[in-house]
C-alpha atoms as a PDB file:
ATOM      1  CA  MET A   1       0.005   0.023   0.044  1.00  0.00           C
ATOM      2  CA  ARG A   2       1.314   3.346  -0.769  1.00  0.00           C
ATOM      3  CA  ASN A   3      -0.515   6.639   0.081  1.00  0.00           C
ATOM      4  CA  ILE A   4       0.631  10.366  -0.904  1.00  0.00           C
ATOM      5  CA  THR A   5      -0.908  13.322   0.604  1.00  0.00           C
ATOM      6  CA  TYR A   6       0.136  16.877  -0.050  1.00  0.00           C
ATOM      7  CA  ILE A   7       0.036  19.608   3.026  1.00  0.00           C
ATOM      8  CA  ALA A   8       0.271  23.179   2.363  1.00  0.00           C
ATOM      9  CA  ARG A   9       1.065  25.316   5.289  1.00  0.00           C
ATOM     10  CA  GLY A  10       2.122  29.041   5.087  1.00  0.00           C
ATOM     11  CA  VAL A  11       1.858  33.013   5.248  1.00  0.00           C
ATOM     12  CA  VAL A  12      -0.192  35.297   3.286  1.00  0.00           C
ATOM     13  CA  LEU A  13       0.782  38.813   2.746  1.00  0.00           C
ATOM     14  CA  GLY A  14      -2.232  41.327   2.469  1.00  0.00           C
ATOM     15  CA  ASN A  15      -3.313  44.876   2.143  1.00  0.00           C
ATOM     16  CA  TYR A  16      -4.871  46.303   5.479  1.00  0.00           C
ATOM     17  CA  TRP A  17      -8.045  48.145   5.244  1.00  0.00           C
ATOM     18  CA  GLY A  18      -7.025  51.900   5.396  1.00  0.00           C
ATOM     19  CA  GLY A  19      -3.499  51.163   4.157  1.00  0.00           C
ATOM     20  CA  GLY A  20      -0.599  49.348   5.066  1.00  0.00           C
ATOM     21  CA  ARG A  21       0.355  45.558   4.448  1.00  0.00           C
ATOM     22  CA  GLY A  22       1.097  42.651   6.719  1.00  0.00           C
ATOM     23  CA  TYR A  23       1.446  39.014   7.201  1.00  0.00           C
ATOM     24  CA  TYR A  24      -0.976  36.445   8.662  1.00  0.00           C
ATOM     25  CA  LYS A  25      -0.937  32.573   8.871  1.00  0.00           C
ATOM     26  CA  ALA A  26      -2.570  30.970   5.954  1.00  0.00           C
ATOM     27  CA  GLU A  27      -5.164  28.277   6.089  1.00  0.00           C
ATOM     28  CA  GLU A  28      -3.821  24.792   5.960  1.00  0.00           C
ATOM     29  CA  LEU A  29      -4.741  22.911   2.791  1.00  0.00           C
ATOM     30  CA  ARG A  30      -4.426  18.963   1.891  1.00  0.00           C
ATOM     31  CA  SER A  31      -4.814  17.187  -1.145  1.00  0.00           C
ATOM     32  CA  ASN A  32      -3.906  13.943  -2.852  1.00  0.00           C
ATOM     33  CA  ASN A  33      -3.062  15.716  -5.896  1.00  0.00           C
ATOM     34  CA  LEU A  34      -0.201  18.324  -6.176  1.00  0.00           C
ATOM     35  CA  GLU A  35      -1.372  20.306  -9.041  1.00  0.00           C
ATOM     36  CA  GLU A  36      -5.110  20.513  -7.678  1.00  0.00           C
ATOM     37  CA  LEU A  37      -3.581  21.896  -4.541  1.00  0.00           C
ATOM     38  CA  ARG A  38      -1.568  24.547  -6.309  1.00  0.00           C
ATOM     39  CA  GLU A  39      -4.595  25.581  -8.194  1.00  0.00           C
ATOM     40  CA  GLU A  40      -6.683  25.766  -4.876  1.00  0.00           C
ATOM     41  CA  ILE A  41      -3.982  27.844  -3.226  1.00  0.00           C
ATOM     42  CA  GLY A  42      -4.011  30.360  -6.189  1.00  0.00           C
ATOM     43  CA  LYS A  43      -7.671  30.516  -6.309  1.00  0.00           C
ATOM     44  CA  LYS A  44      -7.730  31.472  -2.630  1.00  0.00           C
ATOM     45  CA  VAL A  45      -5.080  34.022  -3.130  1.00  0.00           C
ATOM     46  CA  ASP A  46      -6.862  35.811  -5.905  1.00  0.00           C
ATOM     47  CA  ASP A  47     -10.527  35.510  -3.845  1.00  0.00           C
ATOM     48  CA  GLY A  48      -8.594  36.599  -0.718  1.00  0.00           C
ATOM     49  CA  SER A  49      -9.944  33.376   1.334  1.00  0.00           C
ATOM     50  CA  LEU A  50      -6.512  32.045   1.979  1.00  0.00           C
ATOM     51  CA  ASP A  51      -6.069  34.323   5.062  1.00  0.00           C
ATOM     52  CA  SER A  52      -7.811  31.983   7.355  1.00  0.00           C
ATOM     53  CA  GLY A  53     -10.193  34.740   8.690  1.00  0.00           C
ATOM     54  CA  MET A  54      -7.734  37.823   9.105  1.00  0.00           C
ATOM     55  CA  GLY A  55      -9.919  40.079   6.736  1.00  0.00           C
ATOM     56  CA  TYR A  56      -7.550  41.641   4.656  1.00  0.00           C
ATOM     57  CA  GLU A  57      -8.846  44.223   2.012  1.00  0.00           C
ATOM     58  CA  SER A  58      -7.006  42.104  -0.520  1.00  0.00           C
ATOM     59  CA  LEU A  59      -4.323  39.642  -0.512  1.00  0.00           C
ATOM     60  CA  ILE A  60      -0.887  40.358  -2.439  1.00  0.00           C
ATOM     61  CA  GLY A  61       0.261  36.646  -2.261  1.00  0.00           C
ATOM     62  CA  ALA A  62       1.424  33.794  -0.122  1.00  0.00           C
ATOM     63  CA  CYS A  63       4.426  31.768   0.709  1.00  0.00           C
ATOM     64  CA  MET A  64       3.585  28.106   1.298  1.00  0.00           C
ATOM     65  CA  SER A  65       5.618  25.170   2.482  1.00  0.00           C
ATOM     66  CA  ILE A  66       4.078  22.268   0.691  1.00  0.00           C
ATOM     67  CA  THR A  67       5.080  18.841   2.590  1.00  0.00           C
ATOM     68  CA  THR A  68       4.881  15.666   0.517  1.00  0.00           C
ATOM     69  CA  ARG A  69       3.775  12.988   2.795  1.00  0.00           C
ATOM     70  CA  GLU A  70       4.249   9.348   1.629  1.00  0.00           C
ATOM     71  CA  GLU A  71       2.791   6.231   3.508  1.00  0.00           C
ATOM     72  CA  LYS A  72       4.211   3.034   2.390  1.00  0.00           C
ATOM     73  CA  GLU A  73       3.359  -0.537   3.913  1.00  0.00           C
ATOM     74  CA  ILE A  74       6.311  -2.925   3.906  1.00  0.00           C
ATOM     75  CA  GLU A  75       5.803  -6.303   5.589  1.00  0.00           C
ATOM     76  CA  GLY A  76       2.900  -5.182   7.702  1.00  0.00           C
ATOM     77  CA  LYS A  77       4.701  -2.204   9.034  1.00  0.00           C
ATOM     78  CA  THR A  78       3.775   1.496   7.828  1.00  0.00           C
ATOM     79  CA  PHE A  79       6.607   3.598   7.042  1.00  0.00           C
ATOM     80  CA  ILE A  80       6.233   7.575   6.592  1.00  0.00           C
ATOM     81  CA  ASN A  81       8.389   9.852   4.658  1.00  0.00           C
ATOM     82  CA  GLU A  82       7.816  13.731   4.634  1.00  0.00           C
ATOM     83  CA  GLU A  83       9.868  16.200   2.454  1.00  0.00           C
ATOM     84  CA  SER A  84       9.071  19.827   2.060  1.00  0.00           C
ATOM     85  CA  ASP A  85       9.514  22.530  -0.533  1.00  0.00           C
ATOM     86  CA  ILE A  86       8.720  26.261  -0.233  1.00  0.00           C
ATOM     87  CA  GLU A  87       6.535  27.726  -3.144  1.00  0.00           C
ATOM     88  CA  PHE A  88       5.611  31.462  -3.900  1.00  0.00           C
ATOM     89  CA  PHE A  89       2.071  32.340  -5.022  1.00  0.00           C
ATOM     90  CA  ASP A  90       1.897  36.116  -6.583  1.00  0.00           C
ATOM     91  CA  ILE A  91       4.879  37.208  -4.342  1.00  0.00           C
ATOM     92  CA  ASP A  92       7.314  39.638  -5.894  1.00  0.00           C
ATOM     93  CA  ASN A  93      11.103  39.217  -5.397  1.00  0.00           C
ATOM     94  CA  LYS A  94      11.155  42.171  -3.085  1.00  0.00           C
ATOM     95  CA  TYR A  95       9.048  40.400  -0.611  1.00  0.00           C
ATOM     96  CA  GLN A  96      10.479  36.843  -0.865  1.00  0.00           C
ATOM     97  CA  GLU A  97      13.051  36.894   1.804  1.00  0.00           C
ATOM     98  CA  GLU A  98      10.984  38.744   4.375  1.00  0.00           C
ATOM     99  CA  ILE A  99       8.125  36.385   3.786  1.00  0.00           C
ATOM    100  CA  ILE A 100      10.302  33.337   4.148  1.00  0.00           C
ATOM    101  CA  GLU A 101      11.626  34.626   7.650  1.00  0.00           C
ATOM    102  CA  ILE A 102       7.833  35.134   8.497  1.00  0.00           C
ATOM    103  CA  LEU A 103       6.997  31.814   7.270  1.00  0.00           C
ATOM    104  CA  PHE A 104       9.625  29.925   9.779  1.00  0.00           C
ATOM    105  CA  GLU A 105       8.430  31.940  12.650  1.00  0.00           C
ATOM    106  CA  MET A 106       4.833  30.989  12.074  1.00  0.00           C
ATOM    107  CA  ILE A 107       4.626  27.280  11.019  1.00  0.00           C
END
Protein backbone atom coordinates (compact mmCIF):
# COMPACT_ATOMS: atom_id res chain seq x y z
CA MET A 1 0.00 0.00 0.00
CA ARG A 2 1.25 3.48 -0.89
CA ASN A 3 -0.51 6.72 0.02
CA ILE A 4 0.65 10.25 -0.86
CA THR A 5 -0.81 13.40 0.67
CA TYR A 6 0.24 17.00 0.03
CA ILE A 7 -0.07 19.44 2.94
CA ALA A 8 0.29 23.21 2.47
CA ARG A 9 1.03 25.49 5.41
CA GLY A 10 2.14 29.05 5.06
CA VAL A 11 1.79 32.78 5.31
CA VAL A 12 -0.18 35.33 3.33
CA LEU A 13 0.81 38.92 2.64
CA GLY A 14 -2.18 41.22 2.55
CA ASN A 15 -3.29 44.83 2.29
CA TYR A 16 -4.88 46.19 5.46
CA TRP A 17 -8.12 48.15 5.24
CA GLY A 18 -7.11 51.81 5.32
CA GLY A 19 -3.52 51.24 4.20
CA GLY A 20 -0.42 49.27 5.01
CA ARG A 21 0.38 45.62 4.61
CA GLY A 22 1.02 42.68 6.89
CA TYR A 23 1.45 38.94 7.22
CA TYR A 24 -0.88 36.34 8.67
CA LYS A 25 -0.96 32.56 8.89
CA ALA A 26 -2.59 30.96 5.86
CA GLU A 27 -5.30 28.35 5.95
CA GLU A 28 -3.85 24.82 5.96
CA LEU A 29 -4.82 22.84 2.86
CA ARG A 30 -4.51 19.14 1.96
CA SER A 31 -4.89 17.19 -1.24
CA ASN A 32 -3.93 13.92 -2.87
CA ASN A 33 -3.08 15.82 -6.06
CA LEU A 34 -0.26 18.39 -6.08
CA GLU A 35 -1.47 20.34 -9.12
CA GLU A 36 -4.99 20.61 -7.70
CA LEU A 37 -3.50 21.85 -4.42
CA ARG A 38 -1.49 24.53 -6.22
CA GLU A 39 -4.60 25.60 -8.16
CA GLU A 40 -6.64 25.83 -4.96
CA ILE A 41 -3.95 27.98 -3.31
CA GLY A 42 -3.89 30.29 -6.34
CA LYS A 43 -7.68 30.64 -6.32
CA LYS A 44 -7.73 31.38 -2.59
CA VAL A 45 -5.06 34.06 -3.03
CA ASP A 46 -7.13 35.61 -5.83
CA ASP A 47 -10.43 35.58 -3.92
CA GLY A 48 -8.82 36.53 -0.58
CA SER A 49 -9.93 33.45 1.36
CA LEU A 50 -6.49 31.96 2.09
CA ASP A 51 -5.95 34.30 5.07
CA SER A 52 -7.78 31.98 7.52
CA GLY A 53 -10.08 34.74 8.69
CA MET A 54 -7.78 37.77 9.10
CA GLY A 55 -9.94 39.88 6.82
CA TYR A 56 -7.52 41.79 4.63
CA GLU A 57 -8.85 44.22 2.05
CA SER A 58 -6.98 42.09 -0.52
CA LEU A 59 -4.20 39.55 -0.59
CA ILE A 60 -0.91 40.32 -2.30
CA GLY A 61 0.24 36.70 -2.30
CA ALA A 62 1.41 33.75 -0.22
CA CYS A 63 4.46 31.73 0.69
CA MET A 64 3.59 28.09 1.32
CA SER A 65 5.58 25.17 2.63
CA ILE A 66 4.20 22.18 0.73
CA THR A 67 4.94 18.87 2.40
CA THR A 68 4.77 15.63 0.45
CA ARG A 69 3.81 12.90 2.91
CA GLU A 70 4.20 9.37 1.65
CA GLU A 71 3.01 6.38 3.62
CA LYS A 72 4.16 2.97 2.49
CA GLU A 73 3.40 -0.39 3.97
CA ILE A 74 6.22 -2.92 3.92
CA GLU A 75 5.78 -6.35 5.49
CA GLY A 76 2.90 -5.15 7.64
CA LYS A 77 4.63 -2.01 8.92
CA THR A 78 3.78 1.52 7.85
CA PHE A 79 6.68 3.83 7.03
CA ILE A 80 6.23 7.58 6.59
CA ASN A 81 8.49 9.92 4.64
CA GLU A 82 7.96 13.69 4.53
CA GLU A 83 9.71 16.20 2.32
CA SER A 84 8.91 19.92 2.09
CA ASP A 85 9.47 22.62 -0.51
CA ILE A 86 8.69 26.33 -0.36
CA GLU A 87 6.55 27.83 -3.13
CA PHE A 88 5.52 31.42 -3.77
CA PHE A 89 2.11 32.46 -5.07
CA ASP A 90 1.99 36.00 -6.52
CA ILE A 91 4.88 37.19 -4.31
CA ASP A 92 7.26 39.71 -5.91
CA ASN A 93 11.00 39.14 -5.47
CA LYS A 94 11.22 42.15 -3.14
CA TYR A 95 9.03 40.37 -0.54
CA GLN A 96 10.40 36.82 -0.85
CA GLU A 97 13.19 36.96 1.73
CA GLU A 98 10.99 38.75 4.25
CA ILE A 99 8.05 36.36 3.84
CA ILE A 100 10.29 33.28 4.20
CA GLU A 101 11.47 34.62 7.58
CA ILE A 102 7.85 35.12 8.66
CA LEU A 103 6.96 31.64 7.38
CA PHE A 104 9.52 29.95 9.61
CA GLU A 105 8.32 31.95 12.62
CA MET A 106 4.67 31.01 12.06
CA ILE A 107 4.69 27.34 11.10
